């Protein structure tokens, strides 16, 4: 397996974890009161946008040649970092704001 393929698999696994966390937030939003649900929905929409952006960067990375992928790696890492931080921050903010 090439370094590019291994890196791509790593990011794909991280995206799957982010999507699982997003699914958890959606489930919590469904059981929340109306005003709390608005906050959940806002964070969920932002996370979905970041997941889509990360997937787009990963697609670019996957389509790049072995020589060119290193140049795209930084963009993919940046998108992943943004997504990872957003998932962590959103989950913490929502849990803190709406904890029982």
PDB file of N, CA and C in Angstrom:
ATOM      1  N   UNK A   1       0.843  -1.168   0.000  1.00  0.00           N
ATOM      2  CA  UNK A   1       0.000   0.000   0.000  1.00  0.00           C
ATOM      3  C   UNK A   1       0.892   1.236   0.000  1.00  0.00           C
ATOM      4  N   UNK A   2       0.567   2.175  -0.848  1.00  0.00           N
ATOM      5  CA  UNK A   2       1.371   3.389  -0.929  1.00  0.00           C
ATOM      6  C   UNK A   2       1.071   4.304   0.254  1.00  0.00           C
ATOM      7  N   UNK A   3       1.959   5.228   0.483  1.00  0.00           N
ATOM      8  CA  UNK A   3       1.767   6.208   1.549  1.00  0.00           C
ATOM      9  C   UNK A   3       0.504   7.010   1.294  1.00  0.00           C
ATOM     10  N   UNK A   4       0.268   7.355   0.036  1.00  0.00           N
ATOM     11  CA  UNK A   4      -0.935   8.107  -0.330  1.00  0.00           C
ATOM     12  C   UNK A   4      -2.185   7.323   0.049  1.00  0.00           C
ATOM     13  N   UNK A   5      -2.233   6.044  -0.287  1.00  0.00           N
ATOM     14  CA  UNK A   5      -3.402   5.217   0.015  1.00  0.00           C
ATOM     15  C   UNK A   5      -3.610   5.080   1.526  1.00  0.00           C
ATOM     16  N   UNK A   6      -2.534   4.895   2.251  1.00  0.00           N
ATOM     17  CA  UNK A   6      -2.637   4.774   3.705  1.00  0.00           C
ATOM     18  C   UNK A   6      -3.162   6.071   4.309  1.00  0.00           C
ATOM     19  N   UNK A   7      -2.651   7.177   3.825  1.00  0.00           N
ATOM     20  CA  UNK A   7      -3.097   8.487   4.326  1.00  0.00           C
ATOM     21  C   UNK A   7      -4.572   8.689   4.005  1.00  0.00           C
ATOM     22  N   UNK A   8      -4.967   8.332   2.791  1.00  0.00           N
ATOM     23  CA  UNK A   8      -6.360   8.480   2.377  1.00  0.00           C
ATOM     24  C   UNK A   8      -7.269   7.632   3.265  1.00  0.00           C
ATOM     25  N   UNK A   9      -6.873   6.416   3.565  1.00  0.00           N
ATOM     26  CA  UNK A   9      -7.665   5.547   4.435  1.00  0.00           C
ATOM     27  C   UNK A   9      -7.783   6.134   5.842  1.00  0.00           C
ATOM     28  N   UNK A  10      -6.713   6.744   6.320  1.00  0.00           N
ATOM     29  CA  UNK A  10      -6.735   7.358   7.644  1.00  0.00           C
ATOM     30  C   UNK A  10      -7.762   8.478   7.690  1.00  0.00           C
ATOM     31  N   UNK A  11      -7.746   9.353   6.691  1.00  0.00           N
ATOM     32  CA  UNK A  11      -8.686  10.476   6.654  1.00  0.00           C
ATOM     33  C   UNK A  11     -10.111   9.959   6.479  1.00  0.00           C
ATOM     34  N   UNK A  12     -10.303   8.930   5.660  1.00  0.00           N
ATOM     35  CA  UNK A  12     -11.645   8.351   5.492  1.00  0.00           C
ATOM     36  C   UNK A  12     -12.179   7.829   6.826  1.00  0.00           C
ATOM     37  N   UNK A  13     -11.334   7.192   7.608  1.00  0.00           N
ATOM     38  CA  UNK A  13     -11.750   6.688   8.920  1.00  0.00           C
ATOM     39  C   UNK A  13     -12.116   7.844   9.848  1.00  0.00           C
ATOM     40  N   UNK A  14     -11.358   8.917   9.789  1.00  0.00           N
ATOM     41  CA  UNK A  14     -11.646  10.087  10.621  1.00  0.00           C
ATOM     42  C   UNK A  14     -12.972  10.728  10.207  1.00  0.00           C
ATOM     43  N   UNK A  15     -13.244  10.773   8.913  1.00  0.00           N
ATOM     44  CA  UNK A  15     -14.520  11.306   8.437  1.00  0.00           C
ATOM     45  C   UNK A  15     -15.670  10.441   8.946  1.00  0.00           C
ATOM     46  N   UNK A  16     -15.484   9.129   8.924  1.00  0.00           N
ATOM     47  CA  UNK A  16     -16.527   8.229   9.438  1.00  0.00           C
ATOM     48  C   UNK A  16     -16.797   8.497  10.914  1.00  0.00           C
ATOM     49  N   UNK A  17     -15.747   8.753  11.693  1.00  0.00           N
ATOM     50  CA  UNK A  17     -15.935   9.078  13.109  1.00  0.00           C
ATOM     51  C   UNK A  17     -16.693  10.389  13.264  1.00  0.00           C
ATOM     52  N   UNK A  18     -16.347  11.382  12.441  1.00  0.00           N
ATOM     53  CA  UNK A  18     -17.040  12.671  12.499  1.00  0.00           C
ATOM     54  C   UNK A  18     -18.511  12.501  12.134  1.00  0.00           C
ATOM     55  N   UNK A  19     -18.781  11.676  11.136  1.00  0.00           N
ATOM     56  CA  UNK A  19     -20.162  11.437  10.744  1.00  0.00           C
ATOM     57  C   UNK A  19     -20.933  10.710  11.844  1.00  0.00           C
ATOM     58  N   UNK A  20     -20.280   9.816  12.558  1.00  0.00           N
ATOM     59  CA  UNK A  20     -20.926   9.122  13.673  1.00  0.00           C
ATOM     60  C   UNK A  20     -21.264  10.109  14.785  1.00  0.00           C
ATOM     61  N   UNK A  21     -20.338  11.020  15.070  1.00  0.00           N
ATOM     62  CA  UNK A  21     -20.592  12.041  16.091  1.00  0.00           C
ATOM     63  C   UNK A  21     -21.736  12.937  15.648  1.00  0.00           C
ATOM     64  N   UNK A  22     -21.764  13.278  14.378  1.00  0.00           N
ATOM     65  CA  UNK A  22     -22.840  14.091  13.829  1.00  0.00           C
ATOM     66  C   UNK A  22     -24.175  13.365  13.978  1.00  0.00           C
ATOM     67  N   UNK A  23     -24.195  12.083  13.730  1.00  0.00           N
ATOM     68  CA  UNK A  23     -25.418  11.292  13.899  1.00  0.00           C
ATOM     69  C   UNK A  23     -25.878  11.322  15.360  1.00  0.00           C
ATOM     70  N   UNK A  24     -24.928  11.258  16.294  1.00  0.00           N
ATOM     71  CA  UNK A  24     -25.270  11.358  17.715  1.00  0.00           C
ATOM     72  C   UNK A  24     -25.903  12.712  18.029  1.00  0.00           C
ATOM     73  N   UNK A  25     -25.315  13.782  17.477  1.00  0.00           N
ATOM     74  CA  UNK A  25     -25.861  15.113  17.714  1.00  0.00           C
ATOM     75  C   UNK A  25     -27.269  15.245  17.123  1.00  0.00           C
ATOM     76  N   UNK A  26     -27.476  14.654  15.958  1.00  0.00           N
ATOM     77  CA  UNK A  26     -28.803  14.691  15.344  1.00  0.00           C
ATOM     78  C   UNK A  26     -29.821  13.965  16.211  1.00  0.00           C
ATOM     79  N   UNK A  27     -29.432  12.845  16.770  1.00  0.00           N
ATOM     80  CA  UNK A  27     -30.331  12.091  17.643  1.00  0.00           C
ATOM     81  C   UNK A  27     -30.670  12.894  18.894  1.00  0.00           C
ATOM     82  N   UNK A  28     -29.669  13.560  19.459  1.00  0.00           N
ATOM     83  CA  UNK A  28     -29.917  14.410  20.619  1.00  0.00           C
ATOM     84  C   UNK A  28     -30.833  15.569  20.262  1.00  0.00           C
ATOM     85  N   UNK A  29     -30.641  16.132  19.067  1.00  0.00           N
ATOM     86  CA  UNK A  29     -31.466  17.253  18.627  1.00  0.00           C
ATOM     87  C   UNK A  29     -32.930  16.849  18.523  1.00  0.00           C
ATOM     88  N   UNK A  30     -33.184  15.650  18.068  1.00  0.00           N
ATOM     89  CA  UNK A  30     -34.557  15.182  17.927  1.00  0.00           C
ATOM     90  C   UNK A  30     -35.273  15.112  19.265  1.00  0.00           C
ATOM     91  N   UNK A  31     -34.548  14.852  20.313  1.00  0.00           N
ATOM     92  CA  UNK A  31     -35.176  14.713  21.624  1.00  0.00           C
ATOM     93  C   UNK A  31     -35.115  16.000  22.447  1.00  0.00           C
ATOM     94  N   UNK A  32     -34.617  17.086  21.865  1.00  0.00           N
ATOM     95  CA  UNK A  32     -34.472  18.343  22.583  1.00  0.00           C
ATOM     96  C   UNK A  32     -35.709  19.219  22.419  1.00  0.00           C
ATOM     97  N   UNK A  33     -35.849  20.179  23.312  1.00  0.00           N
ATOM     98  CA  UNK A  33     -36.917  21.171  23.216  1.00  0.00           C
ATOM     99  C   UNK A  33     -36.696  22.027  21.972  1.00  0.00           C
ATOM    100  N   UNK A  34     -37.709  22.750  21.568  1.00  0.00           N
ATOM    101  CA  UNK A  34     -37.677  23.507  20.315  1.00  0.00           C
ATOM    102  C   UNK A  34     -36.517  24.496  20.244  1.00  0.00           C
ATOM    103  N   UNK A  35     -36.294  25.307  21.288  1.00  0.00           N
ATOM    104  CA  UNK A  35     -35.207  26.290  21.223  1.00  0.00           C
ATOM    105  C   UNK A  35     -33.849  25.614  21.247  1.00  0.00           C
ATOM    106  N   UNK A  36     -33.740  24.523  21.970  1.00  0.00           N
ATOM    107  CA  UNK A  36     -32.489  23.774  21.971  1.00  0.00           C
ATOM    108  C   UNK A  36     -32.258  23.146  20.609  1.00  0.00           C
ATOM    109  N   UNK A  37     -33.329  22.704  19.997  1.00  0.00           N
ATOM    110  CA  UNK A  37     -33.215  22.068  18.681  1.00  0.00           C
ATOM    111  C   UNK A  37     -32.681  23.041  17.636  1.00  0.00           C
ATOM    112  N   UNK A  38     -33.055  24.289  17.732  1.00  0.00           N
ATOM    113  CA  UNK A  38     -32.547  25.309  16.799  1.00  0.00           C
ATOM    114  C   UNK A  38     -31.032  25.390  16.911  1.00  0.00           C
ATOM    115  N   UNK A  39     -30.516  25.372  18.137  1.00  0.00           N
ATOM    116  CA  UNK A  39     -29.068  25.413  18.339  1.00  0.00           C
ATOM    117  C   UNK A  39     -28.389  24.163  17.787  1.00  0.00           C
ATOM    118  N   UNK A  40     -28.982  23.007  18.057  1.00  0.00           N
ATOM    119  CA  UNK A  40     -28.445  21.761  17.518  1.00  0.00           C
ATOM    120  C   UNK A  40     -28.419  21.807  15.994  1.00  0.00           C
ATOM    121  N   UNK A  41     -29.535  22.234  15.396  1.00  0.00           N
ATOM    122  CA  UNK A  41     -29.630  22.265  13.934  1.00  0.00           C
ATOM    123  C   UNK A  41     -28.566  23.173  13.320  1.00  0.00           C
ATOM    124  N   UNK A  42     -28.305  24.303  13.966  1.00  0.00           N
ATOM    125  CA  UNK A  42     -27.274  25.227  13.468  1.00  0.00           C
ATOM    126  C   UNK A  42     -25.908  24.550  13.469  1.00  0.00           C
ATOM    127  N   UNK A  43     -25.571  23.916  14.585  1.00  0.00           N
ATOM    128  CA  UNK A  43     -24.269  23.239  14.680  1.00  0.00           C
ATOM    129  C   UNK A  43     -24.193  22.056  13.715  1.00  0.00           C
ATOM    130  N   UNK A  44     -25.284  21.330  13.577  1.00  0.00           N
ATOM    131  CA  UNK A  44     -25.311  20.186  12.668  1.00  0.00           C
ATOM    132  C   UNK A  44     -25.073  20.642  11.239  1.00  0.00           C
ATOM    133  N   UNK A  45     -25.710  21.719  10.835  1.00  0.00           N
ATOM    134  CA  UNK A  45     -25.530  22.228   9.472  1.00  0.00           C
ATOM    135  C   UNK A  45     -24.078  22.637   9.232  1.00  0.00           C
ATOM    136  N   UNK A  46     -23.484  23.311  10.203  1.00  0.00           N
ATOM    137  CA  UNK A  46     -22.079  23.711  10.074  1.00  0.00           C
ATOM    138  C   UNK A  46     -21.169  22.487   9.956  1.00  0.00           C
ATOM    139  N   UNK A  47     -21.435  21.464  10.754  1.00  0.00           N
ATOM    140  CA  UNK A  47     -20.614  20.255  10.698  1.00  0.00           C
ATOM    141  C   UNK A  47     -20.787  19.532   9.367  1.00  0.00           C
ATOM    142  N   UNK A  48     -22.009  19.475   8.863  1.00  0.00           N
ATOM    143  CA  UNK A  48     -22.236  18.831   7.562  1.00  0.00           C
ATOM    144  C   UNK A  48     -21.456  19.542   6.461  1.00  0.00           C
ATOM    145  N   UNK A  49     -21.413  20.877   6.505  1.00  0.00           N
ATOM    146  CA  UNK A  49     -20.641  21.644   5.520  1.00  0.00           C
ATOM    147  C   UNK A  49     -19.150  21.308   5.623  1.00  0.00           C
ATOM    148  N   UNK A  50     -18.648  21.193   6.836  1.00  0.00           N
ATOM    149  CA  UNK A  50     -17.225  20.883   7.026  1.00  0.00           C
ATOM    150  C   UNK A  50     -16.906  19.443   6.595  1.00  0.00           C
ATOM    151  N   UNK A  51     -17.826  18.523   6.834  1.00  0.00           N
ATOM    152  CA  UNK A  51     -17.628  17.147   6.369  1.00  0.00           C
ATOM    153  C   UNK A  51     -17.571  17.124   4.847  1.00  0.00           C
ATOM    154  N   UNK A  52     -18.477  17.851   4.199  1.00  0.00           N
ATOM    155  CA  UNK A  52     -18.475  17.908   2.733  1.00  0.00           C
ATOM    156  C   UNK A  52     -17.171  18.500   2.202  1.00  0.00           C
ATOM    157  N   UNK A  53     -16.673  19.548   2.857  1.00  0.00           N
ATOM    158  CA  UNK A  53     -15.413  20.166   2.423  1.00  0.00           C
ATOM    159  C   UNK A  53     -14.245  19.204   2.584  1.00  0.00           C
ATOM    160  N   UNK A  54     -14.240  18.460   3.678  1.00  0.00           N
ATOM    161  CA  UNK A  54     -13.168  17.489   3.918  1.00  0.00           C
ATOM    162  C   UNK A  54     -13.234  16.365   2.892  1.00  0.00           C
ATOM    163  N   UNK A  55     -14.442  15.907   2.578  1.00  0.00           N
ATOM    164  CA  UNK A  55     -14.592  14.863   1.561  1.00  0.00           C
ATOM    165  C   UNK A  55     -14.106  15.354   0.201  1.00  0.00           C
ATOM    166  N   UNK A  56     -14.375  16.608  -0.121  1.00  0.00           N
ATOM    167  CA  UNK A  56     -13.928  17.160  -1.401  1.00  0.00           C
ATOM    168  C   UNK A  56     -12.402  17.183  -1.472  1.00  0.00           C
ATOM    169  N   UNK A  57     -11.757  17.595  -0.384  1.00  0.00           N
ATOM    170  CA  UNK A  57     -10.290  17.598  -0.347  1.00  0.00           C
ATOM    171  C   UNK A  57      -9.745  16.174  -0.459  1.00  0.00           C
ATOM    172  N   UNK A  58     -10.406  15.238   0.197  1.00  0.00           N
ATOM    173  CA  UNK A  58      -9.972  13.847   0.131  1.00  0.00           C
ATOM    174  C   UNK A  58     -10.122  13.300  -1.281  1.00  0.00           C
ATOM    175  N   UNK A  59     -11.181  13.699  -1.967  1.00  0.00           N
ATOM    176  CA  UNK A  59     -11.376  13.264  -3.348  1.00  0.00           C
ATOM    177  C   UNK A  59     -10.246  13.800  -4.229  1.00  0.00           C
ATOM    178  N   UNK A  60      -9.897  15.078  -4.049  1.00  0.00           N
ATOM    179  CA  UNK A  60      -8.782  15.659  -4.798  1.00  0.00           C
ATOM    180  C   UNK A  60      -7.507  14.868  -4.531  1.00  0.00           C
ATOM    181  N   UNK A  61      -7.285  14.548  -3.285  1.00  0.00           N
ATOM    182  CA  UNK A  61      -6.101  13.797  -2.895  1.00  0.00           C
ATOM    183  C   UNK A  61      -6.083  12.426  -3.562  1.00  0.00           C
ATOM    184  N   UNK A  62      -7.233  11.761  -3.569  1.00  0.00           N
ATOM    185  CA  UNK A  62      -7.329  10.439  -4.167  1.00  0.00           C
ATOM    186  C   UNK A  62      -7.107  10.435  -5.664  1.00  0.00           C
ATOM    187  N   UNK A  63      -7.479  11.534  -6.308  1.00  0.00           N
ATOM    188  CA  UNK A  63      -7.332  11.619  -7.761  1.00  0.00           C
ATOM    189  C   UNK A  63      -5.946  12.104  -8.191  1.00  0.00           C
ATOM    190  N   UNK A  64      -5.153  12.553  -7.240  1.00  0.00           N
ATOM    191  CA  UNK A  64      -3.828  13.083  -7.561  1.00  0.00           C
ATOM    192  C   UNK A  64      -2.851  11.941  -7.859  1.00  0.00           C
ATOM    193  N   UNK A  65      -1.884  12.249  -8.673  1.00  0.00           N
ATOM    194  CA  UNK A  65      -0.840  11.265  -8.962  1.00  0.00           C
ATOM    195  C   UNK A  65       0.028  11.082  -7.723  1.00  0.00           C
ATOM    196  N   UNK A  66       0.808  10.017  -7.732  1.00  0.00           N
ATOM    197  CA  UNK A  66       1.695   9.754  -6.595  1.00  0.00           C
ATOM    198  C   UNK A  66       2.653  10.926  -6.361  1.00  0.00           C
ATOM    199  N   UNK A  67       3.080  11.575  -7.425  1.00  0.00           N
ATOM    200  CA  UNK A  67       4.008  12.696  -7.286  1.00  0.00           C
ATOM    201  C   UNK A  67       3.319  13.958  -6.774  1.00  0.00           C
ATOM    202  N   UNK A  68       2.070  14.174  -7.157  1.00  0.00           N
ATOM    203  CA  UNK A  68       1.379  15.420  -6.834  1.00  0.00           C
ATOM    204  C   UNK A  68       0.628  15.375  -5.510  1.00  0.00           C
ATOM    205  N   UNK A  69       0.383  14.211  -4.976  1.00  0.00           N
ATOM    206  CA  UNK A  69      -0.482  14.141  -3.798  1.00  0.00           C
ATOM    207  C   UNK A  69       0.105  14.819  -2.573  1.00  0.00           C
ATOM    208  N   UNK A  70       1.411  14.836  -2.463  1.00  0.00           N
ATOM    209  CA  UNK A  70       2.066  15.497  -1.327  1.00  0.00           C
ATOM    210  C   UNK A  70       1.691  16.977  -1.261  1.00  0.00           C
ATOM    211  N   UNK A  71       1.504  17.602  -2.431  1.00  0.00           N
ATOM    212  CA  UNK A  71       1.141  19.016  -2.467  1.00  0.00           C
ATOM    213  C   UNK A  71      -0.287  19.219  -1.987  1.00  0.00           C
ATOM    214  N   UNK A  72      -1.145  18.243  -2.189  1.00  0.00           N
ATOM    215  CA  UNK A  72      -2.537  18.340  -1.774  1.00  0.00           C
ATOM    216  C   UNK A  72      -2.744  17.901  -0.328  1.00  0.00           C
ATOM    217  N   UNK A  73      -1.757  17.244   0.213  1.00  0.00           N
ATOM    218  CA  UNK A  73      -1.855  16.705   1.570  1.00  0.00           C
ATOM    219  C   UNK A  73      -2.119  17.817   2.590  1.00  0.00           C
ATOM    220  N   UNK A  74      -1.460  18.955   2.457  1.00  0.00           N
ATOM    221  CA  UNK A  74      -1.649  20.051   3.406  1.00  0.00           C
ATOM    222  C   UNK A  74      -3.086  20.552   3.404  1.00  0.00           C
ATOM    223  N   UNK A  75      -3.701  20.651   2.234  1.00  0.00           N
ATOM    224  CA  UNK A  75      -5.094  21.081   2.153  1.00  0.00           C
ATOM    225  C   UNK A  75      -6.024  20.093   2.814  1.00  0.00           C
ATOM    226  N   UNK A  76      -5.761  18.810   2.622  1.00  0.00           N
ATOM    227  CA  UNK A  76      -6.576  17.771   3.247  1.00  0.00           C
ATOM    228  C   UNK A  76      -6.398  17.797   4.762  1.00  0.00           C
ATOM    229  N   UNK A  77      -5.165  17.976   5.218  1.00  0.00           N
ATOM    230  CA  UNK A  77      -4.910  18.052   6.656  1.00  0.00           C
ATOM    231  C   UNK A  77      -5.588  19.267   7.271  1.00  0.00           C
ATOM    232  N   UNK A  78      -5.567  20.386   6.566  1.00  0.00           N
ATOM    233  CA  UNK A  78      -6.217  21.596   7.060  1.00  0.00           C
ATOM    234  C   UNK A  78      -7.728  21.405   7.154  1.00  0.00           C
ATOM    235  N   UNK A  79      -8.316  20.809   6.114  1.00  0.00           N
ATOM    236  CA  UNK A  79      -9.757  20.550   6.129  1.00  0.00           C
ATOM    237  C   UNK A  79     -10.108  19.594   7.261  1.00  0.00           C
ATOM    238  N   UNK A  80      -9.285  18.554   7.444  1.00  0.00           N
ATOM    239  CA  UNK A  80      -9.543  17.607   8.519  1.00  0.00           C
ATOM    240  C   UNK A  80      -9.435  18.284   9.883  1.00  0.00           C
ATOM    241  N   UNK A  81      -8.421  19.104  10.067  1.00  0.00           N
ATOM    242  CA  UNK A  81      -8.229  19.794  11.334  1.00  0.00           C
ATOM    243  C   UNK A  81      -9.429  20.688  11.648  1.00  0.00           C
ATOM    244  N   UNK A  82      -9.898  21.412  10.647  1.00  0.00           N
ATOM    245  CA  UNK A  82     -11.064  22.269  10.821  1.00  0.00           C
ATOM    246  C   UNK A  82     -12.283  21.446  11.214  1.00  0.00           C
ATOM    247  N   UNK A  83     -12.489  20.334  10.533  1.00  0.00           N
ATOM    248  CA  UNK A  83     -13.624  19.462  10.832  1.00  0.00           C
ATOM    249  C   UNK A  83     -13.502  18.873  12.237  1.00  0.00           C
ATOM    250  N   UNK A  84     -12.352  18.356  12.561  1.00  0.00           N
ATOM    251  CA  UNK A  84     -12.131  17.728  13.868  1.00  0.00           C
ATOM    252  C   UNK A  84     -12.388  18.716  14.999  1.00  0.00           C
ATOM    253  N   UNK A  85     -11.850  19.919  14.863  1.00  0.00           N
ATOM    254  CA  UNK A  85     -12.054  20.943  15.888  1.00  0.00           C
ATOM    255  C   UNK A  85     -13.522  21.335  15.990  1.00  0.00           C
ATOM    256  N   UNK A  86     -14.197  21.456  14.862  1.00  0.00           N
ATOM    257  CA  UNK A  86     -15.610  21.834  14.866  1.00  0.00           C
ATOM    258  C   UNK A  86     -16.466  20.768  15.536  1.00  0.00           C
ATOM    259  N   UNK A  87     -16.189  19.502  15.258  1.00  0.00           N
ATOM    260  CA  UNK A  87     -16.944  18.414  15.882  1.00  0.00           C
ATOM    261  C   UNK A  87     -16.745  18.445  17.394  1.00  0.00           C
ATOM    262  N   UNK A  88     -15.516  18.543  17.812  1.00  0.00           N
ATOM    263  CA  UNK A  88     -15.205  18.555  19.241  1.00  0.00           C
ATOM    264  C   UNK A  88     -15.833  19.773  19.929  1.00  0.00           C
ATOM    265  N   UNK A  89     -15.673  20.952  19.334  1.00  0.00           N
ATOM    266  CA  UNK A  89     -16.204  22.174  19.933  1.00  0.00           C
ATOM    267  C   UNK A  89     -17.723  22.182  19.969  1.00  0.00           C
ATOM    268  N   UNK A  90     -18.353  21.766  18.883  1.00  0.00           N
ATOM    269  CA  UNK A  90     -19.815  21.748  18.835  1.00  0.00           C
ATOM    270  C   UNK A  90     -20.378  20.787  19.869  1.00  0.00           C
ATOM    271  N   UNK A  91     -19.809  19.608  19.943  1.00  0.00           N
ATOM    272  CA  UNK A  91     -20.290  18.627  20.911  1.00  0.00           C
ATOM    273  C   UNK A  91     -20.140  19.157  22.336  1.00  0.00           C
ATOM    274  N   UNK A  92     -19.009  19.766  22.637  1.00  0.00           N
ATOM    275  CA  UNK A  92     -18.785  20.286  23.982  1.00  0.00           C
ATOM    276  C   UNK A  92     -19.735  21.434  24.293  1.00  0.00           C
ATOM    277  N   UNK A  93     -19.908  22.353  23.348  1.00  0.00           N
ATOM    278  CA  UNK A  93     -20.807  23.488  23.572  1.00  0.00           C
ATOM    279  C   UNK A  93     -22.243  23.026  23.774  1.00  0.00           C
ATOM    280  N   UNK A  94     -22.691  22.123  22.949  1.00  0.00           N
ATOM    281  CA  UNK A  94     -24.072  21.674  23.052  1.00  0.00           C
ATOM    282  C   UNK A  94     -24.301  20.868  24.328  1.00  0.00           C
ATOM    283  N   UNK A  95     -23.364  20.030  24.685  1.00  0.00           N
ATOM    284  CA  UNK A  95     -23.509  19.252  25.923  1.00  0.00           C
ATOM    285  C   UNK A  95     -23.550  20.167  27.134  1.00  0.00           C
ATOM    286  N   UNK A  96     -22.681  21.180  27.144  1.00  0.00           N
ATOM    287  CA  UNK A  96     -22.631  22.116  28.258  1.00  0.00           C
ATOM    288  C   UNK A  96     -23.903  22.963  28.334  1.00  0.00           C
ATOM    289  N   UNK A  97     -24.346  23.434  27.200  1.00  0.00           N
ATOM    290  CA  UNK A  97     -25.504  24.318  27.155  1.00  0.00           C
ATOM    291  C   UNK A  97     -26.799  23.593  27.519  1.00  0.00           C
ATOM    292  N   UNK A  98     -26.917  22.351  27.117  1.00  0.00           N
ATOM    293  CA  UNK A  98     -28.178  21.643  27.273  1.00  0.00           C
ATOM    294  C   UNK A  98     -28.118  20.465  28.234  1.00  0.00           C
ATOM    295  N   UNK A  99     -27.087  20.415  29.063  1.00  0.00           N
ATOM    296  CA  UNK A  99     -27.023  19.278  29.985  1.00  0.00           C
ATOM    297  C   UNK A  99     -28.120  19.428  31.023  1.00  0.00           C
ATOM    298  N   UNK A 100     -28.557  18.289  31.468  1.00  0.00           N
ATOM    299  CA  UNK A 100     -29.683  18.266  32.422  1.00  0.00           C
ATOM    300  C   UNK A 100     -29.258  18.646  33.806  1.00  0.00           C
TER     301      UNK A 100
END
